């Protein structure tokens, strides 16, 4: 089974701009994995070290399988995850 890492910055700025809600939406995707027939494991990592406190203009910052998403929204992150899973 393949693994897809989703890193969510949880510095103060990112949390205030919705990072925790994004992390929760990705976790909900994990619960739907069997229904959606994903053969990929999605792992969510919350870290303050993602942006080193420099993401004021980019918050919330999320990195999906090495690709950063600045000013991330749950919809944008979920679309990126689905796209990467579909590509295999």
PDB file of N, CA and C in Angstrom:
ATOM      1  N   UNK A   1       0.838  -1.183   0.000  1.00  0.00           N
ATOM      2  CA  UNK A   1       0.000   0.000   0.000  1.00  0.00           C
ATOM      3  C   UNK A   1       0.883   1.245   0.000  1.00  0.00           C
ATOM      4  N   UNK A   2       0.551   2.178  -0.834  1.00  0.00           N
ATOM      5  CA  UNK A   2       1.283   3.432  -0.916  1.00  0.00           C
ATOM      6  C   UNK A   2       0.911   4.322   0.256  1.00  0.00           C
ATOM      7  N   UNK A   3       1.799   5.275   0.556  1.00  0.00           N
ATOM      8  CA  UNK A   3       1.528   6.206   1.647  1.00  0.00           C
ATOM      9  C   UNK A   3       1.665   7.630   1.122  1.00  0.00           C
ATOM     10  N   UNK A   4       0.744   8.463   1.520  1.00  0.00           N
ATOM     11  CA  UNK A   4       0.740   9.872   1.161  1.00  0.00           C
ATOM     12  C   UNK A   4       0.835  10.673   2.449  1.00  0.00           C
ATOM     13  N   UNK A   5       1.863  11.503   2.565  1.00  0.00           N
ATOM     14  CA  UNK A   5       2.042  12.326   3.761  1.00  0.00           C
ATOM     15  C   UNK A   5       1.447  13.707   3.551  1.00  0.00           C
ATOM     16  N   UNK A   6       0.659  14.139   4.523  1.00  0.00           N
ATOM     17  CA  UNK A   6       0.075  15.471   4.523  1.00  0.00           C
ATOM     18  C   UNK A   6       0.580  16.177   5.776  1.00  0.00           C
ATOM     19  N   UNK A   7       1.409  17.192   5.589  1.00  0.00           N
ATOM     20  CA  UNK A   7       1.977  17.938   6.700  1.00  0.00           C
ATOM     21  C   UNK A   7       1.240  19.262   6.835  1.00  0.00           C
ATOM     22  N   UNK A   8       0.705  19.496   8.031  1.00  0.00           N
ATOM     23  CA  UNK A   8      -0.066  20.708   8.304  1.00  0.00           C
ATOM     24  C   UNK A   8       0.698  21.545   9.311  1.00  0.00           C
ATOM     25  N   UNK A   9       0.974  22.787   8.960  1.00  0.00           N
ATOM     26  CA  UNK A   9       1.658  23.684   9.886  1.00  0.00           C
ATOM     27  C   UNK A   9       0.680  24.076  10.994  1.00  0.00           C
ATOM     28  N   UNK A  10       1.137  23.965  12.228  1.00  0.00           N
ATOM     29  CA  UNK A  10       0.286  24.335  13.363  1.00  0.00           C
ATOM     30  C   UNK A  10       0.914  25.449  14.201  1.00  0.00           C
ATOM     31  N   UNK A  11       1.659  26.333  13.520  1.00  0.00           N
ATOM     32  CA  UNK A  11       2.138  27.517  14.233  1.00  0.00           C
ATOM     33  C   UNK A  11       0.906  28.380  14.544  1.00  0.00           C
ATOM     34  N   UNK A  12       1.052  29.333  15.393  1.00  0.00           N
ATOM     35  CA  UNK A  12      -0.072  30.159  15.829  1.00  0.00           C
ATOM     36  C   UNK A  12      -0.805  30.795  14.647  1.00  0.00           C
ATOM     37  N   UNK A  13      -0.064  31.355  13.709  1.00  0.00           N
ATOM     38  CA  UNK A  13      -0.680  32.019  12.555  1.00  0.00           C
ATOM     39  C   UNK A  13      -1.517  31.042  11.730  1.00  0.00           C
ATOM     40  N   UNK A  14      -0.974  29.847  11.480  1.00  0.00           N
ATOM     41  CA  UNK A  14      -1.705  28.866  10.671  1.00  0.00           C
ATOM     42  C   UNK A  14      -2.944  28.348  11.396  1.00  0.00           C
ATOM     43  N   UNK A  15      -2.820  28.111  12.690  1.00  0.00           N
ATOM     44  CA  UNK A  15      -3.968  27.639  13.469  1.00  0.00           C
ATOM     45  C   UNK A  15      -5.085  28.692  13.444  1.00  0.00           C
ATOM     46  N   UNK A  16      -4.722  29.945  13.576  1.00  0.00           N
ATOM     47  CA  UNK A  16      -5.727  31.013  13.559  1.00  0.00           C
ATOM     48  C   UNK A  16      -6.404  31.137  12.194  1.00  0.00           C
ATOM     49  N   UNK A  17      -5.755  30.634  11.166  1.00  0.00           N
ATOM     50  CA  UNK A  17      -6.314  30.717   9.811  1.00  0.00           C
ATOM     51  C   UNK A  17      -6.897  29.406   9.319  1.00  0.00           C
ATOM     52  N   UNK A  18      -7.093  28.428  10.219  1.00  0.00           N
ATOM     53  CA  UNK A  18      -7.847  27.239   9.846  1.00  0.00           C
ATOM     54  C   UNK A  18      -7.078  25.939   9.689  1.00  0.00           C
ATOM     55  N   UNK A  19      -5.834  25.875  10.124  1.00  0.00           N
ATOM     56  CA  UNK A  19      -5.031  24.660   9.946  1.00  0.00           C
ATOM     57  C   UNK A  19      -5.647  23.443  10.639  1.00  0.00           C
ATOM     58  N   UNK A  20      -6.197  23.628  11.822  1.00  0.00           N
ATOM     59  CA  UNK A  20      -6.763  22.482  12.547  1.00  0.00           C
ATOM     60  C   UNK A  20      -7.988  21.920  11.838  1.00  0.00           C
ATOM     61  N   UNK A  21      -8.783  22.788  11.239  1.00  0.00           N
ATOM     62  CA  UNK A  21      -9.948  22.325  10.492  1.00  0.00           C
ATOM     63  C   UNK A  21      -9.522  21.533   9.259  1.00  0.00           C
ATOM     64  N   UNK A  22      -8.445  21.960   8.620  1.00  0.00           N
ATOM     65  CA  UNK A  22      -7.922  21.229   7.468  1.00  0.00           C
ATOM     66  C   UNK A  22      -7.438  19.854   7.897  1.00  0.00           C
ATOM     67  N   UNK A  23      -6.707  19.791   9.001  1.00  0.00           N
ATOM     68  CA  UNK A  23      -6.216  18.502   9.504  1.00  0.00           C
ATOM     69  C   UNK A  23      -7.380  17.567   9.813  1.00  0.00           C
ATOM     70  N   UNK A  24      -8.447  18.090  10.395  1.00  0.00           N
ATOM     71  CA  UNK A  24      -9.618  17.258  10.706  1.00  0.00           C
ATOM     72  C   UNK A  24     -10.295  16.753   9.439  1.00  0.00           C
ATOM     73  N   UNK A  25     -10.359  17.585   8.405  1.00  0.00           N
ATOM     74  CA  UNK A  25     -10.999  17.139   7.170  1.00  0.00           C
ATOM     75  C   UNK A  25     -10.176  16.035   6.507  1.00  0.00           C
ATOM     76  N   UNK A  26      -8.862  16.115   6.591  1.00  0.00           N
ATOM     77  CA  UNK A  26      -8.017  15.051   6.032  1.00  0.00           C
ATOM     78  C   UNK A  26      -8.198  13.769   6.837  1.00  0.00           C
ATOM     79  N   UNK A  27      -8.302  13.905   8.144  1.00  0.00           N
ATOM     80  CA  UNK A  27      -8.535  12.723   8.986  1.00  0.00           C
ATOM     81  C   UNK A  27      -9.878  12.071   8.646  1.00  0.00           C
ATOM     82  N   UNK A  28     -10.872  12.876   8.307  1.00  0.00           N
ATOM     83  CA  UNK A  28     -12.167  12.305   7.933  1.00  0.00           C
ATOM     84  C   UNK A  28     -12.054  11.528   6.633  1.00  0.00           C
ATOM     85  N   UNK A  29     -11.167  11.950   5.766  1.00  0.00           N
ATOM     86  CA  UNK A  29     -10.924  11.229   4.521  1.00  0.00           C
ATOM     87  C   UNK A  29     -10.376   9.837   4.815  1.00  0.00           C
ATOM     88  N   UNK A  30      -9.551   9.718   5.837  1.00  0.00           N
ATOM     89  CA  UNK A  30      -9.008   8.414   6.230  1.00  0.00           C
ATOM     90  C   UNK A  30     -10.138   7.459   6.598  1.00  0.00           C
ATOM     91  N   UNK A  31     -11.162   7.961   7.252  1.00  0.00           N
ATOM     92  CA  UNK A  31     -12.287   7.127   7.659  1.00  0.00           C
ATOM     93  C   UNK A  31     -13.103   6.654   6.464  1.00  0.00           C
ATOM     94  N   UNK A  32     -13.096   7.429   5.389  1.00  0.00           N
ATOM     95  CA  UNK A  32     -13.855   7.078   4.184  1.00  0.00           C
ATOM     96  C   UNK A  32     -13.035   6.257   3.192  1.00  0.00           C
ATOM     97  N   UNK A  33     -11.809   5.952   3.542  1.00  0.00           N
ATOM     98  CA  UNK A  33     -10.889   5.286   2.622  1.00  0.00           C
ATOM     99  C   UNK A  33     -11.473   4.015   2.009  1.00  0.00           C
ATOM    100  N   UNK A  34     -12.077   3.176   2.809  1.00  0.00           N
ATOM    101  CA  UNK A  34     -12.628   1.918   2.300  1.00  0.00           C
ATOM    102  C   UNK A  34     -13.805   2.159   1.360  1.00  0.00           C
ATOM    103  N   UNK A  35     -14.660   3.104   1.705  1.00  0.00           N
ATOM    104  CA  UNK A  35     -15.803   3.404   0.854  1.00  0.00           C
ATOM    105  C   UNK A  35     -15.377   3.999  -0.483  1.00  0.00           C
ATOM    106  N   UNK A  36     -14.276   4.765  -0.475  1.00  0.00           N
ATOM    107  CA  UNK A  36     -13.785   5.391  -1.696  1.00  0.00           C
ATOM    108  C   UNK A  36     -12.830   4.481  -2.468  1.00  0.00           C
ATOM    109  N   UNK A  37     -12.521   3.335  -1.875  1.00  0.00           N
ATOM    110  CA  UNK A  37     -11.644   2.327  -2.489  1.00  0.00           C
ATOM    111  C   UNK A  37     -10.251   2.850  -2.801  1.00  0.00           C
ATOM    112  N   UNK A  38      -9.683   3.577  -1.837  1.00  0.00           N
ATOM    113  CA  UNK A  38      -8.318   4.050  -1.973  1.00  0.00           C
ATOM    114  C   UNK A  38      -7.359   2.919  -1.646  1.00  0.00           C
ATOM    115  N   UNK A  39      -6.292   2.807  -2.403  1.00  0.00           N
ATOM    116  CA  UNK A  39      -5.252   1.850  -2.064  1.00  0.00           C
ATOM    117  C   UNK A  39      -4.030   2.580  -1.504  1.00  0.00           C
ATOM    118  N   UNK A  40      -4.266   3.788  -1.026  1.00  0.00           N
ATOM    119  CA  UNK A  40      -3.211   4.638  -0.490  1.00  0.00           C
ATOM    120  C   UNK A  40      -3.534   5.009   0.948  1.00  0.00           C
ATOM    121  N   UNK A  41      -2.538   4.908   1.802  1.00  0.00           N
ATOM    122  CA  UNK A  41      -2.677   5.326   3.190  1.00  0.00           C
ATOM    123  C   UNK A  41      -2.339   6.811   3.282  1.00  0.00           C
ATOM    124  N   UNK A  42      -3.191   7.585   3.912  1.00  0.00           N
ATOM    125  CA  UNK A  42      -2.964   9.021   4.081  1.00  0.00           C
ATOM    126  C   UNK A  42      -2.585   9.268   5.532  1.00  0.00           C
ATOM    127  N   UNK A  43      -1.389   9.857   5.723  1.00  0.00           N
ATOM    128  CA  UNK A  43      -0.920  10.140   7.078  1.00  0.00           C
ATOM    129  C   UNK A  43      -0.860  11.650   7.273  1.00  0.00           C
ATOM    130  N   UNK A  44      -1.480  12.126   8.351  1.00  0.00           N
ATOM    131  CA  UNK A  44      -1.511  13.553   8.671  1.00  0.00           C
ATOM    132  C   UNK A  44      -0.486  13.832   9.765  1.00  0.00           C
ATOM    133  N   UNK A  45       0.375  14.795   9.506  1.00  0.00           N
ATOM    134  CA  UNK A  45       1.377  15.211  10.487  1.00  0.00           C
ATOM    135  C   UNK A  45       1.160  16.680  10.797  1.00  0.00           C
ATOM    136  N   UNK A  46       1.037  17.006  12.067  1.00  0.00           N
ATOM    137  CA  UNK A  46       0.921  18.398  12.486  1.00  0.00           C
ATOM    138  C   UNK A  46       2.273  18.825  13.038  1.00  0.00           C
ATOM    139  N   UNK A  47       2.810  19.919  12.518  1.00  0.00           N
ATOM    140  CA  UNK A  47       4.123  20.366  12.956  1.00  0.00           C
ATOM    141  C   UNK A  47       4.230  21.883  12.921  1.00  0.00           C
ATOM    142  N   UNK A  48       4.945  22.421  13.888  1.00  0.00           N
ATOM    143  CA  UNK A  48       5.227  23.858  13.891  1.00  0.00           C
ATOM    144  C   UNK A  48       6.460  24.159  13.069  1.00  0.00           C
ATOM    145  N   UNK A  49       7.222  23.153  12.748  1.00  0.00           N
ATOM    146  CA  UNK A  49       8.496  23.348  12.057  1.00  0.00           C
ATOM    147  C   UNK A  49       8.346  23.427  10.542  1.00  0.00           C
ATOM    148  N   UNK A  50       7.144  23.344  10.060  1.00  0.00           N
ATOM    149  CA  UNK A  50       6.917  23.358   8.615  1.00  0.00           C
ATOM    150  C   UNK A  50       7.294  24.697   7.998  1.00  0.00           C
ATOM    151  N   UNK A  51       6.967  25.771   8.674  1.00  0.00           N
ATOM    152  CA  UNK A  51       7.211  27.090   8.086  1.00  0.00           C
ATOM    153  C   UNK A  51       8.241  27.903   8.851  1.00  0.00           C
ATOM    154  N   UNK A  52       8.689  27.431   9.977  1.00  0.00           N
ATOM    155  CA  UNK A  52       9.659  28.156  10.807  1.00  0.00           C
ATOM    156  C   UNK A  52       9.186  29.568  11.149  1.00  0.00           C
ATOM    157  N   UNK A  53       7.885  29.730  11.277  1.00  0.00           N
ATOM    158  CA  UNK A  53       7.325  31.019  11.664  1.00  0.00           C
ATOM    159  C   UNK A  53       7.312  32.064  10.561  1.00  0.00           C
ATOM    160  N   UNK A  54       7.549  31.652   9.319  1.00  0.00           N
ATOM    161  CA  UNK A  54       7.621  32.606   8.215  1.00  0.00           C
ATOM    162  C   UNK A  54       6.392  32.575   7.317  1.00  0.00           C
ATOM    163  N   UNK A  55       5.322  31.946   7.772  1.00  0.00           N
ATOM    164  CA  UNK A  55       4.176  31.748   6.875  1.00  0.00           C
ATOM    165  C   UNK A  55       3.071  32.781   7.070  1.00  0.00           C
ATOM    166  N   UNK A  56       3.405  33.953   7.531  1.00  0.00           N
ATOM    167  CA  UNK A  56       2.376  34.974   7.746  1.00  0.00           C
ATOM    168  C   UNK A  56       1.546  35.241   6.504  1.00  0.00           C
ATOM    169  N   UNK A  57       2.186  35.338   5.355  1.00  0.00           N
ATOM    170  CA  UNK A  57       1.465  35.616   4.116  1.00  0.00           C
ATOM    171  C   UNK A  57       0.948  34.363   3.439  1.00  0.00           C
ATOM    172  N   UNK A  58       1.355  33.195   3.933  1.00  0.00           N
ATOM    173  CA  UNK A  58       0.990  31.941   3.282  1.00  0.00           C
ATOM    174  C   UNK A  58       0.075  31.070   4.136  1.00  0.00           C
ATOM    175  N   UNK A  59      -0.257  31.529   5.321  1.00  0.00           N
ATOM    176  CA  UNK A  59      -0.981  30.652   6.240  1.00  0.00           C
ATOM    177  C   UNK A  59      -2.445  30.486   5.844  1.00  0.00           C
ATOM    178  N   UNK A  60      -2.999  29.310   6.081  1.00  0.00           N
ATOM    179  CA  UNK A  60      -2.334  28.119   6.594  1.00  0.00           C
ATOM    180  C   UNK A  60      -1.524  27.418   5.496  1.00  0.00           C
ATOM    181  N   UNK A  61      -0.419  26.846   5.921  1.00  0.00           N
ATOM    182  CA  UNK A  61       0.481  26.160   5.004  1.00  0.00           C
ATOM    183  C   UNK A  61       0.330  24.656   5.179  1.00  0.00           C
ATOM    184  N   UNK A  62       0.112  23.960   4.071  1.00  0.00           N
ATOM    185  CA  UNK A  62      -0.028  22.501   4.069  1.00  0.00           C
ATOM    186  C   UNK A  62       0.868  21.959   2.961  1.00  0.00           C
ATOM    187  N   UNK A  63       1.562  20.861   3.242  1.00  0.00           N
ATOM    188  CA  UNK A  63       2.400  20.223   2.235  1.00  0.00           C
ATOM    189  C   UNK A  63       1.835  18.822   1.991  1.00  0.00           C
ATOM    190  N   UNK A  64       1.412  18.564   0.761  1.00  0.00           N
ATOM    191  CA  UNK A  64       0.844  17.270   0.386  1.00  0.00           C
ATOM    192  C   UNK A  64       1.869  16.536  -0.471  1.00  0.00           C
ATOM    193  N   UNK A  65       2.420  15.488   0.083  1.00  0.00           N
ATOM    194  CA  UNK A  65       3.393  14.658  -0.634  1.00  0.00           C
ATOM    195  C   UNK A  65       4.504  15.507  -1.255  1.00  0.00           C
ATOM    196  N   UNK A  66       5.003  16.469  -0.471  1.00  0.00           N
ATOM    197  CA  UNK A  66       6.114  17.298  -0.917  1.00  0.00           C
ATOM    198  C   UNK A  66       5.736  18.561  -1.659  1.00  0.00           C
ATOM    199  N   UNK A  67       4.457  18.755  -1.967  1.00  0.00           N
ATOM    200  CA  UNK A  67       4.010  19.937  -2.700  1.00  0.00           C
ATOM    201  C   UNK A  67       3.300  20.909  -1.751  1.00  0.00           C
ATOM    202  N   UNK A  68       3.876  22.097  -1.551  1.00  0.00           N
ATOM    203  CA  UNK A  68       3.253  23.058  -0.627  1.00  0.00           C
ATOM    204  C   UNK A  68       1.994  23.694  -1.215  1.00  0.00           C
ATOM    205  N   UNK A  69       1.041  23.925  -0.326  1.00  0.00           N
ATOM    206  CA  UNK A  69      -0.179  24.660  -0.674  1.00  0.00           C
ATOM    207  C   UNK A  69      -0.248  25.832   0.290  1.00  0.00           C
ATOM    208  N   UNK A  70      -0.046  27.035  -0.218  1.00  0.00           N
ATOM    209  CA  UNK A  70      -0.121  28.228   0.610  1.00  0.00           C
ATOM    210  C   UNK A  70      -1.565  28.723   0.653  1.00  0.00           C
ATOM    211  N   UNK A  71      -1.927  29.358   1.765  1.00  0.00           N
ATOM    212  CA  UNK A  71      -3.302  29.827   1.984  1.00  0.00           C
ATOM    213  C   UNK A  71      -4.282  28.695   1.706  1.00  0.00           C
ATOM    214  N   UNK A  72      -3.943  27.541   2.251  1.00  0.00           N
ATOM    215  CA  UNK A  72      -4.697  26.317   1.991  1.00  0.00           C
ATOM    216  C   UNK A  72      -6.125  26.395   2.525  1.00  0.00           C
ATOM    217  N   UNK A  73      -6.993  25.707   1.818  1.00  0.00           N
ATOM    218  CA  UNK A  73      -8.361  25.499   2.265  1.00  0.00           C
ATOM    219  C   UNK A  73      -8.588  23.994   2.308  1.00  0.00           C
ATOM    220  N   UNK A  74      -9.581  23.565   3.028  1.00  0.00           N
ATOM    221  CA  UNK A  74      -9.891  22.134   3.076  1.00  0.00           C
ATOM    222  C   UNK A  74     -10.170  21.603   1.680  1.00  0.00           C
ATOM    223  N   UNK A  75     -10.908  22.367   0.883  1.00  0.00           N
ATOM    224  CA  UNK A  75     -11.242  21.930  -0.478  1.00  0.00           C
ATOM    225  C   UNK A  75      -9.994  21.754  -1.336  1.00  0.00           C
ATOM    226  N   UNK A  76      -9.066  22.707  -1.251  1.00  0.00           N
ATOM    227  CA  UNK A  76      -7.846  22.633  -2.061  1.00  0.00           C
ATOM    228  C   UNK A  76      -6.976  21.453  -1.635  1.00  0.00           C
ATOM    229  N   UNK A  77      -6.875  21.231  -0.339  1.00  0.00           N
ATOM    230  CA  UNK A  77      -6.064  20.120   0.163  1.00  0.00           C
ATOM    231  C   UNK A  77      -6.687  18.790  -0.229  1.00  0.00           C
ATOM    232  N   UNK A  78      -7.995  18.655  -0.066  1.00  0.00           N
ATOM    233  CA  UNK A  78      -8.672  17.411  -0.426  1.00  0.00           C
ATOM    234  C   UNK A  78      -8.556  17.151  -1.922  1.00  0.00           C
ATOM    235  N   UNK A  79      -8.678  18.193  -2.735  1.00  0.00           N
ATOM    236  CA  UNK A  79      -8.546  18.019  -4.187  1.00  0.00           C
ATOM    237  C   UNK A  79      -7.141  17.536  -4.547  1.00  0.00           C
ATOM    238  N   UNK A  80      -6.121  18.094  -3.885  1.00  0.00           N
ATOM    239  CA  UNK A  80      -4.740  17.686  -4.140  1.00  0.00           C
ATOM    240  C   UNK A  80      -4.529  16.238  -3.738  1.00  0.00           C
ATOM    241  N   UNK A  81      -5.073  15.838  -2.596  1.00  0.00           N
ATOM    242  CA  UNK A  81      -4.945  14.446  -2.137  1.00  0.00           C
ATOM    243  C   UNK A  81      -5.623  13.506  -3.113  1.00  0.00           C
ATOM    244  N   UNK A  82      -6.843  13.807  -3.503  1.00  0.00           N
ATOM    245  CA  UNK A  82      -7.581  12.955  -4.437  1.00  0.00           C
ATOM    246  C   UNK A  82      -6.835  12.856  -5.766  1.00  0.00           C
ATOM    247  N   UNK A  83      -6.305  13.975  -6.228  1.00  0.00           N
ATOM    248  CA  UNK A  83      -5.552  13.988  -7.481  1.00  0.00           C
ATOM    249  C   UNK A  83      -4.323  13.081  -7.403  1.00  0.00           C
ATOM    250  N   UNK A  84      -3.594  13.170  -6.302  1.00  0.00           N
ATOM    251  CA  UNK A  84      -2.396  12.355  -6.139  1.00  0.00           C
ATOM    252  C   UNK A  84      -2.742  10.868  -6.010  1.00  0.00           C
ATOM    253  N   UNK A  85      -3.829  10.564  -5.335  1.00  0.00           N
ATOM    254  CA  UNK A  85      -4.256   9.162  -5.207  1.00  0.00           C
ATOM    255  C   UNK A  85      -4.693   8.617  -6.562  1.00  0.00           C
ATOM    256  N   UNK A  86      -5.403   9.424  -7.325  1.00  0.00           N
ATOM    257  CA  UNK A  86      -5.886   8.992  -8.638  1.00  0.00           C
ATOM    258  C   UNK A  86      -4.732   8.715  -9.607  1.00  0.00           C
ATOM    259  N   UNK A  87      -3.670   9.519  -9.493  1.00  0.00           N
ATOM    260  CA  UNK A  87      -2.508   9.321 -10.364  1.00  0.00           C
ATOM    261  C   UNK A  87      -1.728   8.069 -10.002  1.00  0.00           C
ATOM    262  N   UNK A  88      -1.896   7.654  -8.730  1.00  0.00           N
ATOM    263  CA  UNK A  88      -1.218   6.439  -8.265  1.00  0.00           C
ATOM    264  C   UNK A  88       0.184   6.704  -7.994  1.00  0.00           C
TER     265      UNK A  88
END
